[in-house]
N, C-alpha and C. Protein backbone atom coordinates (compact mmCIF):
# COMPACT_ATOMS: atom_id res chain seq x y z
N MET A 1 -154.71 245.49 -137.47
CA MET A 1 -155.27 244.81 -137.84
C MET A 1 -156.15 243.62 -138.50
N PRO A 2 -156.97 243.39 -139.05
CA PRO A 2 -158.15 242.18 -138.40
C PRO A 2 -156.96 240.99 -138.16
N PRO A 3 -157.34 239.98 -137.34
CA PRO A 3 -156.47 238.25 -137.52
C PRO A 3 -156.73 237.39 -139.14
N GLU A 4 -156.27 236.52 -139.23
CA GLU A 4 -156.20 235.54 -140.46
C GLU A 4 -157.22 235.52 -140.17
N THR A 5 -157.87 235.02 -139.65
CA THR A 5 -159.10 234.04 -138.59
C THR A 5 -159.81 234.61 -138.24
N ALA A 6 -160.92 234.40 -137.97
CA ALA A 6 -162.20 234.62 -136.74
C ALA A 6 -162.36 233.95 -135.81
N SER A 7 -161.07 233.26 -135.05
CA SER A 7 -161.37 232.03 -134.15
C SER A 7 -161.43 232.82 -133.29
N PRO A 8 -162.08 232.08 -132.51
CA PRO A 8 -162.60 231.58 -130.51
C PRO A 8 -161.42 232.62 -130.24
N GLN A 9 -160.07 232.44 -130.78
CA GLN A 9 -159.20 232.37 -129.35
C GLN A 9 -158.66 234.15 -130.02
N HIS A 10 -159.35 234.82 -130.63
CA HIS A 10 -159.22 235.90 -131.42
C HIS A 10 -160.53 237.40 -130.80
N VAL A 11 -161.36 236.42 -130.19
CA VAL A 11 -161.92 237.09 -129.29
C VAL A 11 -162.21 237.25 -128.08
N HIS A 12 -162.80 238.92 -128.09
CA HIS A 12 -161.68 239.75 -126.56
C HIS A 12 -162.75 239.77 -125.68
N ARG A 13 -163.29 239.25 -124.52
CA ARG A 13 -164.35 238.96 -123.53
C ARG A 13 -163.72 240.81 -122.48
N PHE A 14 -165.40 240.42 -121.76
CA PHE A 14 -165.51 242.04 -121.48
C PHE A 14 -166.38 241.93 -120.19
N PRO A 15 -166.58 242.57 -119.11
CA PRO A 15 -168.18 242.02 -118.44
C PRO A 15 -169.00 243.25 -119.74
N ALA A 16 -170.23 242.62 -119.16
CA ALA A 16 -171.33 242.62 -119.79
C ALA A 16 -171.44 244.44 -119.30
N VAL A 17 -172.04 245.19 -119.54
CA VAL A 17 -171.57 246.63 -119.31
C VAL A 17 -172.81 247.48 -119.02
N ALA A 18 -173.70 246.74 -120.28
CA ALA A 18 -175.04 247.15 -120.94
C ALA A 18 -176.46 246.75 -120.28
N VAL A 19 -177.46 247.26 -120.60
CA VAL A 19 -178.53 246.76 -119.96
C VAL A 19 -179.79 245.78 -121.05
N ASN A 20 -179.28 247.50 -122.09
CA ASN A 20 -180.15 246.39 -123.65
C ASN A 20 -179.07 247.05 -124.82
N CYS A 21 -178.88 245.60 -126.25
CA CYS A 21 -178.09 245.15 -126.80
C CYS A 21 -178.20 247.04 -127.92
N PHE A 22 -179.10 247.43 -128.33
CA PHE A 22 -179.25 248.63 -128.76
C PHE A 22 -178.72 249.99 -128.46
N THR A 23 -179.45 250.48 -126.92
CA THR A 23 -179.24 251.06 -126.36
C THR A 23 -177.72 250.93 -125.79
N GLY A 24 -176.70 250.01 -125.75
CA GLY A 24 -175.57 249.81 -124.97
C GLY A 24 -174.60 250.32 -126.42
N SER A 25 -174.93 249.80 -127.52
CA SER A 25 -174.31 249.79 -128.30
C SER A 25 -174.30 251.41 -129.12
N LEU A 26 -174.46 251.82 -128.84
CA LEU A 26 -175.26 254.08 -128.64
C LEU A 26 -174.51 254.36 -128.31
N ALA A 27 -174.47 253.84 -126.82
CA ALA A 27 -173.40 254.37 -125.81
C ALA A 27 -172.19 254.02 -125.64
N GLN A 28 -171.51 253.28 -126.28
CA GLN A 28 -170.15 252.63 -126.84
C GLN A 28 -169.97 253.32 -127.55
N LEU A 29 -171.23 253.74 -129.07
CA LEU A 29 -170.49 254.74 -129.87
C LEU A 29 -169.79 256.31 -129.40
N LEU A 30 -171.16 256.52 -129.16
CA LEU A 30 -170.61 258.14 -128.59
C LEU A 30 -169.63 258.37 -127.08
N ASN A 31 -168.96 257.79 -127.13
CA ASN A 31 -167.70 257.34 -126.35
C ASN A 31 -166.66 257.35 -127.09
N ARG A 32 -166.95 255.92 -128.25
CA ARG A 32 -166.00 257.16 -129.22
C ARG A 32 -165.86 257.70 -129.47
N ARG A 33 -166.99 258.52 -130.15
CA ARG A 33 -166.77 259.90 -130.84
C ARG A 33 -166.92 261.23 -129.91
N GLY A 34 -165.73 260.67 -128.20
CA GLY A 34 -165.94 261.60 -128.11
C GLY A 34 -167.32 262.22 -126.52
N THR A 35 -167.88 261.50 -126.30
CA THR A 35 -168.99 262.12 -125.83
C THR A 35 -169.13 261.21 -124.62
N PRO A 36 -168.32 260.98 -123.08
CA PRO A 36 -169.04 260.19 -122.44
C PRO A 36 -170.07 260.23 -121.71
N VAL A 37 -170.54 258.75 -121.75
CA VAL A 37 -172.04 258.78 -121.46
C VAL A 37 -172.64 257.69 -121.28
N ASN A 38 -173.12 256.92 -119.96
CA ASN A 38 -174.00 255.68 -119.47
C ASN A 38 -175.30 255.39 -119.81
N GLU A 39 -175.78 254.56 -120.57
CA GLU A 39 -176.27 254.00 -121.33
C GLU A 39 -177.81 254.55 -120.15
N SER A 40 -177.52 254.19 -119.21
CA SER A 40 -178.63 255.33 -117.90
C SER A 40 -179.43 256.72 -118.63
N ARG A 41 -177.93 257.49 -118.72
CA ARG A 41 -178.82 258.87 -119.22
C ARG A 41 -178.71 259.03 -120.72
N MET A 42 -179.11 257.46 -121.48
CA MET A 42 -179.12 257.52 -122.29
C MET A 42 -180.97 257.17 -122.29
N LEU A 43 -181.43 256.45 -121.63
CA LEU A 43 -181.91 255.83 -121.21
C LEU A 43 -183.69 256.49 -120.34
N GLU A 44 -182.50 257.86 -120.00
CA GLU A 44 -183.77 258.76 -118.69
C GLU A 44 -183.98 259.91 -120.11
N LEU A 45 -183.15 260.17 -120.98
CA LEU A 45 -183.85 260.89 -122.23
C LEU A 45 -184.40 261.05 -122.53
N GLY A 46 -184.12 259.06 -123.18
CA GLY A 46 -184.66 259.13 -124.76
C GLY A 46 -186.31 258.68 -123.90
N GLU A 47 -186.60 258.81 -122.42
CA GLU A 47 -187.70 258.44 -122.44
C GLU A 47 -188.13 256.82 -122.27
N GLY A 48 -186.90 255.96 -121.59
CA GLY A 48 -186.85 254.12 -122.33
C GLY A 48 -187.93 253.88 -120.21
N TYR A 49 -188.62 254.63 -119.70
CA TYR A 49 -188.95 253.66 -118.60
C TYR A 49 -190.47 253.87 -118.95
N LEU A 50 -191.34 253.58 -119.80
CA LEU A 50 -192.22 253.26 -120.54
C LEU A 50 -192.14 252.38 -120.62
N PHE A 51 -192.89 251.10 -120.51
CA PHE A 51 -192.92 250.14 -121.09
C PHE A 51 -194.38 249.84 -121.04
N ARG A 52 -194.11 248.49 -121.87
CA ARG A 52 -195.90 248.11 -122.28
C ARG A 52 -196.03 246.07 -122.24
N CYS A 53 -196.90 245.83 -122.32
CA CYS A 53 -197.03 244.15 -122.55
C CYS A 53 -197.17 243.14 -124.51
N GLY A 54 -195.65 243.04 -124.72
CA GLY A 54 -196.07 242.09 -126.27
C GLY A 54 -195.06 241.86 -126.37
N LEU A 55 -194.68 240.22 -127.41
CA LEU A 55 -194.17 238.64 -127.41
C LEU A 55 -193.09 239.27 -128.18
N ASP A 56 -191.99 237.78 -127.57
CA ASP A 56 -190.69 238.15 -127.64
C ASP A 56 -190.22 237.45 -129.51
N GLU A 57 -189.20 237.08 -129.20
CA GLU A 57 -188.96 236.95 -130.68
C GLU A 57 -189.74 235.24 -130.68
N TRP A 58 -189.62 234.61 -129.55
CA TRP A 58 -190.24 233.27 -129.68
C TRP A 58 -191.58 233.05 -129.19
N GLY A 59 -191.71 233.96 -129.12
CA GLY A 59 -193.44 233.90 -129.18
C GLY A 59 -194.09 234.06 -127.14
N TYR A 60 -193.19 234.57 -126.42
CA TYR A 60 -193.65 234.55 -124.90
C TYR A 60 -194.12 236.21 -124.86
N PRO A 61 -194.13 235.82 -123.81
CA PRO A 61 -195.30 238.13 -123.61
C PRO A 61 -193.71 237.89 -122.83
N GLU A 62 -193.48 239.56 -122.83
CA GLU A 62 -192.91 240.04 -121.98
C GLU A 62 -192.71 241.67 -122.19
N TYR A 63 -192.63 242.56 -120.53
CA TYR A 63 -192.59 244.47 -120.85
C TYR A 63 -191.45 244.24 -121.92
N THR A 64 -191.93 245.70 -122.56
CA THR A 64 -191.10 245.80 -123.92
C THR A 64 -191.04 247.23 -123.45
N PHE A 65 -190.08 247.63 -124.80
CA PHE A 65 -190.34 249.29 -124.83
C PHE A 65 -189.54 249.75 -126.29
N ALA A 66 -189.97 250.93 -126.85
CA ALA A 66 -190.26 251.05 -127.97
C ALA A 66 -187.80 251.41 -128.53
N VAL A 67 -187.37 250.41 -128.14
CA VAL A 67 -185.99 251.12 -127.59
C VAL A 67 -184.99 251.52 -128.61
N GLN A 68 -185.26 251.19 -130.04
CA GLN A 68 -184.56 251.86 -130.78
C GLN A 68 -185.29 253.52 -130.61
N ASP A 69 -186.25 254.07 -131.06
CA ASP A 69 -186.60 255.49 -130.82
C ASP A 69 -186.07 255.51 -129.53
N VAL A 70 -186.22 255.08 -128.51
CA VAL A 70 -186.03 255.56 -127.38
C VAL A 70 -183.90 256.12 -127.69
N GLY A 71 -183.72 255.42 -128.34
CA GLY A 71 -181.66 255.01 -128.05
C GLY A 71 -181.49 255.97 -129.09
N LEU A 72 -182.71 256.37 -130.69
CA LEU A 72 -181.97 257.80 -131.41
C LEU A 72 -182.30 259.32 -130.47
N LEU A 73 -184.02 259.24 -130.23
CA LEU A 73 -183.98 260.19 -129.24
C LEU A 73 -183.07 260.52 -128.09
N GLY A 74 -182.56 259.12 -126.96
CA GLY A 74 -181.52 260.21 -126.54
C GLY A 74 -180.18 260.11 -126.60
N CYS A 75 -179.98 259.87 -127.98
CA CYS A 75 -178.55 260.26 -128.56
C CYS A 75 -179.27 261.57 -129.24
N THR A 76 -180.37 261.85 -130.19
CA THR A 76 -180.73 262.80 -130.10
C THR A 76 -180.09 264.16 -129.51
N ARG A 77 -181.73 264.31 -127.87
CA ARG A 77 -181.11 264.81 -126.77
C ARG A 77 -179.77 264.73 -126.39
N LEU A 78 -178.80 263.89 -126.81
CA LEU A 78 -177.46 264.35 -126.08
C LEU A 78 -176.57 265.28 -126.97
N GLY A 79 -177.50 265.70 -127.96
CA GLY A 79 -176.62 266.87 -128.88
C GLY A 79 -176.39 266.17 -130.37
N ALA A 80 -176.21 264.12 -130.15
CA ALA A 80 -175.45 263.85 -131.59
C ALA A 80 -176.91 263.94 -132.93
N ARG A 81 -175.60 263.49 -134.27
CA ARG A 81 -176.58 264.39 -135.40
C ARG A 81 -176.82 263.29 -135.53
N MET A 82 -177.58 261.98 -136.00
CA MET A 82 -177.80 260.37 -136.83
C MET A 82 -177.96 260.94 -137.82
N GLU A 83 -176.81 259.58 -138.15
CA GLU A 83 -177.03 259.90 -140.11
C GLU A 83 -177.59 257.75 -139.52
N SER A 84 -179.06 257.50 -140.83
CA SER A 84 -178.75 256.27 -141.09
C SER A 84 -179.35 255.67 -142.36
N ALA A 85 -178.84 254.85 -142.97
CA ALA A 85 -178.72 254.27 -144.15
C ALA A 85 -178.92 252.46 -144.35
N PRO A 86 -179.35 252.78 -145.69
CA PRO A 86 -179.60 251.49 -146.01
C PRO A 86 -178.76 250.35 -145.71
N ILE A 87 -178.59 249.23 -146.25
CA ILE A 87 -177.14 248.23 -145.83
C ILE A 87 -177.60 246.88 -146.41
N ASP A 88 -179.37 246.44 -146.56
CA ASP A 88 -179.60 245.38 -147.18
C ASP A 88 -179.89 245.64 -148.28
N GLY A 89 -178.90 246.11 -149.11
CA GLY A 89 -178.80 246.05 -150.31
C GLY A 89 -177.43 245.37 -151.18
N PRO A 90 -177.16 245.53 -152.22
CA PRO A 90 -175.81 244.64 -152.31
C PRO A 90 -174.48 245.20 -152.39
N ASP A 91 -174.86 247.05 -151.85
CA ASP A 91 -173.64 247.69 -151.55
C ASP A 91 -173.76 247.75 -150.13
N GLY A 92 -174.34 246.65 -149.14
CA GLY A 92 -174.22 247.14 -147.80
C GLY A 92 -172.77 247.06 -147.11
N LEU A 93 -172.21 246.31 -147.33
CA LEU A 93 -170.56 246.25 -146.78
C LEU A 93 -170.32 247.59 -147.37
N ASP A 94 -170.41 248.24 -148.84
CA ASP A 94 -169.47 249.65 -148.69
C ASP A 94 -170.36 250.65 -147.56
N GLN A 95 -171.33 250.43 -147.88
CA GLN A 95 -172.53 251.65 -146.88
C GLN A 95 -171.62 251.10 -145.58
N LEU A 96 -171.94 250.39 -145.03
CA LEU A 96 -170.79 249.87 -143.50
C LEU A 96 -169.39 250.18 -143.54
N ALA A 97 -168.73 250.01 -144.27
CA ALA A 97 -167.17 250.42 -144.21
C ALA A 97 -167.46 252.65 -144.36
N ARG A 98 -168.22 252.86 -145.49
CA ARG A 98 -167.90 254.27 -145.16
C ARG A 98 -168.47 254.60 -143.39
N LEU A 99 -169.23 254.50 -143.17
CA LEU A 99 -169.96 254.82 -141.95
C LEU A 99 -168.80 254.43 -140.45
N CYS A 100 -168.06 253.87 -140.90
CA CYS A 100 -166.72 253.40 -140.26
C CYS A 100 -165.70 254.33 -140.35
N ARG A 101 -165.67 254.80 -141.87
CA ARG A 101 -165.04 255.47 -141.91
C ARG A 101 -165.21 257.11 -141.71
N SER A 102 -165.95 257.62 -141.56
CA SER A 102 -166.67 259.06 -141.34
C SER A 102 -167.11 259.20 -140.22
N ASN A 103 -168.02 257.87 -139.07
CA ASN A 103 -168.55 258.72 -138.42
C ASN A 103 -168.19 257.26 -137.37
N GLY A 104 -166.90 256.95 -137.25
CA GLY A 104 -166.33 256.03 -136.37
C GLY A 104 -166.80 254.79 -135.94
N GLY A 105 -168.10 254.44 -136.83
CA GLY A 105 -168.92 253.24 -136.52
C GLY A 105 -170.44 253.11 -136.77
N ALA A 106 -170.90 252.00 -136.80
CA ALA A 106 -172.59 251.98 -137.22
C ALA A 106 -172.79 250.82 -135.90
N VAL A 107 -174.30 251.23 -136.01
CA VAL A 107 -175.39 250.30 -135.06
C VAL A 107 -176.18 250.00 -135.86
N VAL A 108 -176.09 247.91 -135.85
CA VAL A 108 -177.17 247.69 -137.08
C VAL A 108 -177.45 246.46 -136.22
N TRP A 109 -178.72 246.11 -136.22
CA TRP A 109 -179.72 244.84 -136.58
C TRP A 109 -179.55 243.53 -136.61
N VAL A 110 -179.77 242.14 -136.18
CA VAL A 110 -178.93 240.97 -136.73
C VAL A 110 -179.46 240.13 -136.11
N ASN A 111 -179.73 238.34 -137.39
CA ASN A 111 -180.33 237.99 -137.10
C ASN A 111 -179.11 237.21 -135.75
N THR A 112 -179.40 237.18 -135.15
CA THR A 112 -178.29 236.31 -133.68
C THR A 112 -178.16 234.54 -134.69
N SER A 113 -179.06 233.83 -134.75
CA SER A 113 -178.86 232.81 -135.77
C SER A 113 -178.07 232.61 -136.43
N ARG A 114 -177.35 233.73 -137.25
CA ARG A 114 -176.95 233.35 -138.00
C ARG A 114 -174.82 234.26 -137.41
N LEU A 115 -174.62 234.54 -136.39
CA LEU A 115 -173.91 234.91 -135.44
C LEU A 115 -172.52 234.05 -135.52
N THR A 116 -172.00 234.08 -135.55
CA THR A 116 -170.27 232.59 -135.42
C THR A 116 -169.40 233.23 -134.14
N HIS A 117 -168.84 234.48 -133.68
CA HIS A 117 -167.79 234.37 -132.86
C HIS A 117 -169.11 233.79 -130.89
N ASP A 118 -169.93 233.52 -131.09
CA ASP A 118 -170.36 232.57 -130.12
C ASP A 118 -171.11 231.33 -130.17
N VAL A 119 -170.93 230.59 -130.24
CA VAL A 119 -171.77 229.38 -129.75
C VAL A 119 -173.32 229.20 -129.86
N PHE A 120 -173.52 230.43 -128.65
CA PHE A 120 -174.71 230.31 -127.98
C PHE A 120 -175.75 230.60 -128.97
N TYR A 121 -174.96 231.47 -129.74
CA TYR A 121 -176.35 231.94 -130.47
C TYR A 121 -176.69 230.72 -131.97
N SER A 122 -175.99 230.14 -132.23
CA SER A 122 -176.41 229.56 -133.45
C SER A 122 -177.33 228.42 -132.79
N GLN A 123 -176.76 228.10 -131.31
CA GLN A 123 -177.44 226.82 -130.52
C GLN A 123 -179.27 226.66 -130.48
N ASN A 124 -179.19 228.66 -130.44
CA ASN A 124 -180.49 229.28 -130.06
C ASN A 124 -181.68 229.68 -130.91
N PRO A 125 -182.94 229.11 -130.25
CA PRO A 125 -183.70 230.93 -131.92
C PRO A 125 -183.69 231.13 -132.52
N ALA A 126 -183.13 232.20 -132.85
CA ALA A 126 -182.90 232.63 -133.34
C ALA A 126 -183.66 234.13 -132.78
N TYR A 127 -183.27 235.59 -132.80
CA TYR A 127 -184.00 236.28 -131.84
C TYR A 127 -183.21 238.03 -132.49
N LEU A 128 -183.68 239.08 -132.77
CA LEU A 128 -183.69 240.45 -132.75
C LEU A 128 -182.18 240.97 -132.42
N HIS A 129 -180.58 241.61 -132.36
CA HIS A 129 -180.09 241.54 -131.61
C HIS A 129 -179.76 242.39 -132.33
N ALA A 130 -179.10 243.70 -131.18
CA ALA A 130 -178.06 244.64 -132.21
C ALA A 130 -176.77 244.59 -131.15
N LEU A 131 -175.50 245.34 -132.59
CA LEU A 131 -174.19 245.61 -132.06
C LEU A 131 -173.17 246.43 -132.63
N LEU A 132 -173.03 246.62 -132.87
CA LEU A 132 -172.30 248.23 -132.97
C LEU A 132 -170.84 247.86 -134.62
N VAL A 133 -170.96 248.17 -134.96
CA VAL A 133 -169.47 248.11 -136.00
C VAL A 133 -168.91 248.96 -136.41
N THR A 134 -167.34 248.70 -136.11
CA THR A 134 -167.06 249.16 -136.07
C THR A 134 -165.79 249.28 -137.31
N ALA A 135 -165.47 248.26 -138.41
CA ALA A 135 -164.11 248.70 -138.84
C ALA A 135 -164.28 248.05 -140.29
N VAL A 136 -164.28 247.37 -141.31
CA VAL A 136 -163.76 246.97 -142.67
C VAL A 136 -163.17 246.95 -142.85
N SER A 137 -163.00 246.26 -143.04
CA SER A 137 -161.61 245.39 -143.58
C SER A 137 -160.99 246.25 -145.04
N GLU A 138 -160.53 246.54 -145.56
CA GLU A 138 -160.13 246.74 -146.87
C GLU A 138 -160.54 245.82 -147.89
N ASP A 139 -160.13 245.10 -148.04
CA ASP A 139 -160.52 244.10 -149.14
C ASP A 139 -162.00 243.78 -148.80
N ARG A 140 -162.39 243.68 -148.09
CA ARG A 140 -163.91 243.29 -147.59
C ARG A 140 -164.00 242.02 -147.06
N HIS A 141 -163.50 240.82 -146.38
CA HIS A 141 -163.48 240.35 -146.22
C HIS A 141 -164.00 240.09 -144.55
N GLN A 142 -163.65 240.96 -144.10
CA GLN A 142 -163.98 240.67 -141.95
C GLN A 142 -164.54 241.95 -142.14
N ILE A 143 -164.61 241.80 -141.07
CA ILE A 143 -165.89 243.24 -140.26
C ILE A 143 -164.84 243.01 -138.76
N GLN A 144 -165.74 243.75 -138.20
CA GLN A 144 -164.43 244.33 -136.39
C GLN A 144 -166.20 244.99 -135.96
N ILE A 145 -166.83 244.02 -135.10
CA ILE A 145 -167.98 244.10 -134.51
C ILE A 145 -168.04 244.30 -132.48
N HIS A 146 -167.56 245.50 -131.81
CA HIS A 146 -168.54 245.38 -130.52
C HIS A 146 -169.29 244.96 -129.80
N ASP A 147 -169.64 243.92 -129.62
CA ASP A 147 -171.28 243.49 -128.87
C ASP A 147 -171.32 243.44 -127.38
N PRO A 148 -172.13 244.67 -126.93
CA PRO A 148 -172.28 244.59 -126.02
C PRO A 148 -172.59 244.01 -124.91
N LEU A 149 -173.41 242.91 -125.29
CA LEU A 149 -174.67 241.79 -124.54
C LEU A 149 -174.37 240.99 -124.90
N VAL A 150 -174.11 239.92 -124.63
CA VAL A 150 -173.69 238.44 -125.08
C VAL A 150 -174.57 237.71 -123.92
N VAL A 151 -176.04 237.73 -123.92
CA VAL A 151 -176.30 236.61 -122.84
C VAL A 151 -176.64 235.54 -122.91
N ASN A 152 -175.71 235.16 -122.56
CA ASN A 152 -174.90 233.45 -122.59
C ASN A 152 -175.84 233.19 -120.82
N ARG A 153 -174.91 232.13 -119.99
CA ARG A 153 -175.22 231.63 -119.22
C ARG A 153 -174.11 232.69 -118.75
N GLU A 154 -173.42 232.95 -118.58
CA GLU A 154 -173.08 234.39 -117.54
C GLU A 154 -173.39 235.35 -118.66
N ARG A 155 -173.77 236.79 -119.08
CA ARG A 155 -173.42 237.72 -119.48
C ARG A 155 -172.04 238.43 -120.02
N TYR A 156 -171.60 238.36 -121.23
CA TYR A 156 -170.17 239.36 -121.02
C TYR A 156 -170.09 240.18 -122.76
N GLY A 157 -169.79 240.49 -122.74
CA GLY A 157 -169.56 242.47 -123.57
C GLY A 157 -168.28 241.45 -123.92
N CYS A 158 -168.48 241.50 -125.72
CA CYS A 158 -167.27 241.33 -126.61
C CYS A 158 -166.45 242.04 -127.91
N GLU A 159 -165.61 241.67 -128.24
CA GLU A 159 -164.88 242.33 -129.57
C GLU A 159 -164.36 241.49 -130.09
N THR A 160 -164.32 241.53 -131.71
CA THR A 160 -163.46 240.39 -132.60
C THR A 160 -163.77 240.90 -134.42
N TRP A 161 -162.98 240.19 -134.85
CA TRP A 161 -163.18 240.67 -136.43
C TRP A 161 -164.55 238.91 -136.48
N VAL A 162 -165.05 239.24 -137.66
CA VAL A 162 -165.69 237.71 -138.14
C VAL A 162 -165.80 238.14 -139.87
N ASP A 163 -166.16 236.97 -140.83
CA ASP A 163 -166.10 236.93 -141.49
C ASP A 163 -167.07 237.19 -142.48
N ALA A 164 -167.07 238.63 -143.22
CA ALA A 164 -167.81 239.43 -143.66
C ALA A 164 -169.45 239.34 -144.25
N GLU A 165 -168.82 237.73 -145.30
CA GLU A 165 -170.07 237.11 -145.31
C GLU A 165 -170.47 236.56 -145.23
N ALA A 166 -170.65 236.22 -143.77
CA ALA A 166 -170.96 234.69 -142.59
C ALA A 166 -171.66 236.19 -142.35
N PHE A 167 -171.55 238.21 -142.27
CA PHE A 167 -172.01 239.10 -141.25
C PHE A 167 -173.70 239.34 -142.31
N ARG A 168 -172.84 239.26 -143.08
CA ARG A 168 -173.75 239.90 -143.95
C ARG A 168 -175.46 238.99 -145.02
N VAL A 169 -175.11 238.04 -144.58
CA VAL A 169 -176.15 236.81 -143.68
C VAL A 169 -177.07 237.11 -142.32
N ALA A 170 -176.89 237.79 -141.41
CA ALA A 170 -176.78 238.47 -140.22
C ALA A 170 -177.63 239.13 -140.60
N LEU A 171 -177.32 240.09 -141.29
CA LEU A 171 -177.63 241.75 -141.68
C LEU A 171 -178.75 241.15 -142.08
N THR A 172 -178.74 240.20 -142.88
CA THR A 172 -180.60 240.46 -143.83
C THR A 172 -181.52 239.82 -143.97
N ASP A 173 -180.89 238.54 -143.02
CA ASP A 173 -181.45 237.32 -142.81
C ASP A 173 -183.33 237.72 -141.96
N GLN A 174 -184.48 238.25 -142.18
CA GLN A 174 -184.94 238.90 -141.27
C GLN A 174 -185.25 237.96 -140.35
N VAL A 175 -185.44 238.53 -139.04
CA VAL A 175 -186.20 238.48 -137.27
C VAL A 175 -187.45 238.70 -137.57
N ARG A 176 -188.93 238.66 -138.25
CA ARG A 176 -189.81 239.47 -138.12
C ARG A 176 -191.00 239.21 -136.18
N THR A 177 -191.27 239.79 -135.29
CA THR A 177 -191.84 239.96 -133.96
C THR A 177 -192.68 240.39 -134.41
N GLU A 178 -193.73 240.56 -133.36
CA GLU A 178 -195.20 240.52 -133.82
C GLU A 178 -195.47 242.84 -132.97
N THR A 179 -193.35 242.75 -132.41
CA THR A 179 -193.50 243.97 -131.63
C THR A 179 -192.73 245.14 -132.79
N TYR A 180 -191.65 244.11 -133.01
CA TYR A 180 -190.92 244.83 -133.67
C TYR A 180 -190.09 244.73 -135.52
N ASN A 181 -189.72 245.47 -136.07
CA ASN A 181 -188.60 244.67 -137.33
C ASN A 181 -187.85 245.19 -137.90
N HIS A 182 -186.26 245.82 -137.27
CA HIS A 182 -185.49 246.95 -137.69
C HIS A 182 -184.73 246.66 -138.55
N MET A 183 -184.24 245.62 -139.04
CA MET A 183 -182.69 245.14 -139.64
C MET A 183 -182.79 245.62 -141.11
N GLY A 184 -182.33 246.48 -141.50
CA GLY A 184 -182.10 246.89 -142.33
C GLY A 184 -181.68 248.38 -143.15
N LEU A 185 -181.05 248.70 -141.31
CA LEU A 185 -180.81 250.48 -141.61
C LEU A 185 -179.57 250.17 -140.76
N ALA A 186 -178.32 250.85 -140.85
CA ALA A 186 -177.27 251.31 -139.73
C ALA A 186 -177.64 252.86 -139.70
N HIS A 187 -177.89 252.59 -137.95
CA HIS A 187 -177.49 254.05 -137.20
C HIS A 187 -176.09 254.41 -136.57
N SER A 188 -175.88 255.59 -137.52
CA SER A 188 -174.37 256.27 -136.82
C SER A 188 -174.72 257.58 -136.58
N ILE A 189 -173.37 258.18 -136.05
CA ILE A 189 -173.14 259.58 -135.99
C ILE A 189 -172.75 260.50 -136.49
N SER A 190 -172.93 261.36 -137.57
CA SER A 190 -172.50 262.33 -138.41
C SER A 190 -171.73 262.89 -137.42
N ASP A 191 -172.22 263.58 -136.50
CA ASP A 191 -171.50 264.51 -135.56
C ASP A 191 -171.94 264.70 -134.26
N VAL A 192 -171.16 264.83 -133.49
CA VAL A 192 -171.43 265.95 -131.77
C VAL A 192 -171.66 266.44 -132.16
N PRO A 193 -172.06 267.78 -131.84
CA PRO A 193 -171.12 269.85 -131.79
C PRO A 193 -170.81 269.90 -130.43
N ALA A 194 -169.97 270.69 -129.98
CA ALA A 194 -169.38 270.64 -128.42
C ALA A 194 -170.50 271.34 -127.47
N ALA A 195 -171.51 272.11 -128.09
CA ALA A 195 -171.80 272.94 -127.55
C ALA A 195 -172.66 272.27 -126.95
N SER A 196 -173.25 270.77 -126.87
CA SER A 196 -174.13 270.55 -127.06
C SER A 196 -174.31 268.70 -126.44
N GLN A 197 -172.53 269.01 -125.87
CA GLN A 197 -172.44 267.46 -125.21
C GLN A 197 -172.99 267.40 -123.16
N GLN A 198 -173.45 268.37 -123.58
CA GLN A 198 -173.93 268.98 -121.72
C GLN A 198 -175.43 268.77 -121.59
N THR A 199 -176.13 267.71 -121.54
CA THR A 199 -177.55 267.54 -120.94
C THR A 199 -177.33 268.98 -119.17
N THR A 200 -178.43 269.06 -118.33
CA THR A 200 -178.51 269.74 -117.67
C THR A 200 -179.68 268.61 -116.75
N ALA A 201 -179.21 268.42 -115.25
CA ALA A 201 -180.10 267.81 -114.73
C ALA A 201 -181.47 268.52 -114.32
N THR A 202 -181.71 269.60 -114.88
CA THR A 202 -183.15 269.97 -115.58
C THR A 202 -183.86 269.44 -116.82
N GLN A 203 -182.70 268.84 -117.35
CA GLN A 203 -183.22 268.65 -118.66
C GLN A 203 -183.86 266.44 -118.90
N THR A 204 -182.84 266.78 -117.55
CA THR A 204 -183.45 265.47 -117.14
C THR A 204 -184.54 264.89 -115.95
N LEU A 205 -184.71 266.13 -115.71
CA LEU A 205 -185.74 265.60 -115.11
C LEU A 205 -187.27 266.16 -115.47
N VAL A 206 -186.88 267.35 -116.63
CA VAL A 206 -188.41 266.98 -117.17
C VAL A 206 -188.76 266.29 -118.22
N ALA A 207 -187.97 264.99 -118.43
CA ALA A 207 -188.09 264.08 -119.97
C ALA A 207 -188.09 263.24 -118.47
N LEU A 208 -188.02 263.03 -117.38
CA LEU A 208 -189.01 261.61 -115.98
C LEU A 208 -190.16 262.24 -116.02
N LEU A 209 -190.28 263.83 -115.74
CA LEU A 209 -191.61 264.27 -115.17
C LEU A 209 -192.27 263.55 -116.25
N ARG A 210 -192.25 263.83 -117.75
CA ARG A 210 -193.19 262.78 -118.72
C ARG A 210 -193.42 262.09 -119.13
N GLN A 211 -192.73 261.57 -118.46
CA GLN A 211 -193.24 259.83 -118.70
C GLN A 211 -193.57 259.49 -117.50
N SER A 212 -193.66 260.48 -116.16
CA SER A 212 -194.50 259.69 -114.63
C SER A 212 -195.82 260.18 -115.33
N GLU A 213 -196.13 261.21 -115.88
CA GLU A 213 -197.19 261.71 -116.41
C GLU A 213 -197.81 260.88 -117.69
N ARG A 214 -196.73 260.43 -118.74
CA ARG A 214 -197.66 259.16 -118.97
C ARG A 214 -198.10 257.94 -118.57
């Protein structure tokens, strides 16, 4: 059950284990769905070791990669059946509630300046960030989130309940960059076929060789 308020004392912190917020959220969802997987495995199979130069949300040059394509491809190659649903309309919270009930959660992109569970987000320029929604309260007033990577002075992950209306703004206030804009969709796992839960070393080698050739 959600607490009466999403105050700081209700934020459960733990050491950060993700190197990227999107792939880290997907890895967490896969683990919750009964498929133990490391984020590095997803990066290997999703061909995430191909970098390019671009500008980040603040206009500074950085090395980047097609993180959403990599994460979704990695999940597919691990045997997951992916489902994406629009959440930028008036029934966005209902969509999230449905995905949490049927698929165990959904990974979403948000505007960090609208997040409330760490003051670091509101005190710095907005950037695009992914996290995992794990539950929506029955009255639609609160949402439970798993944030795998808070890049504060000391990186950490956390879980907490947040106000639903505030979170709706974080979901819909667009953050546009030169490289990507992924907001407006929730990504979940509709099924993980038991026969496809294991990938062989040969599959990993093929993926890595393909990346090196490119």
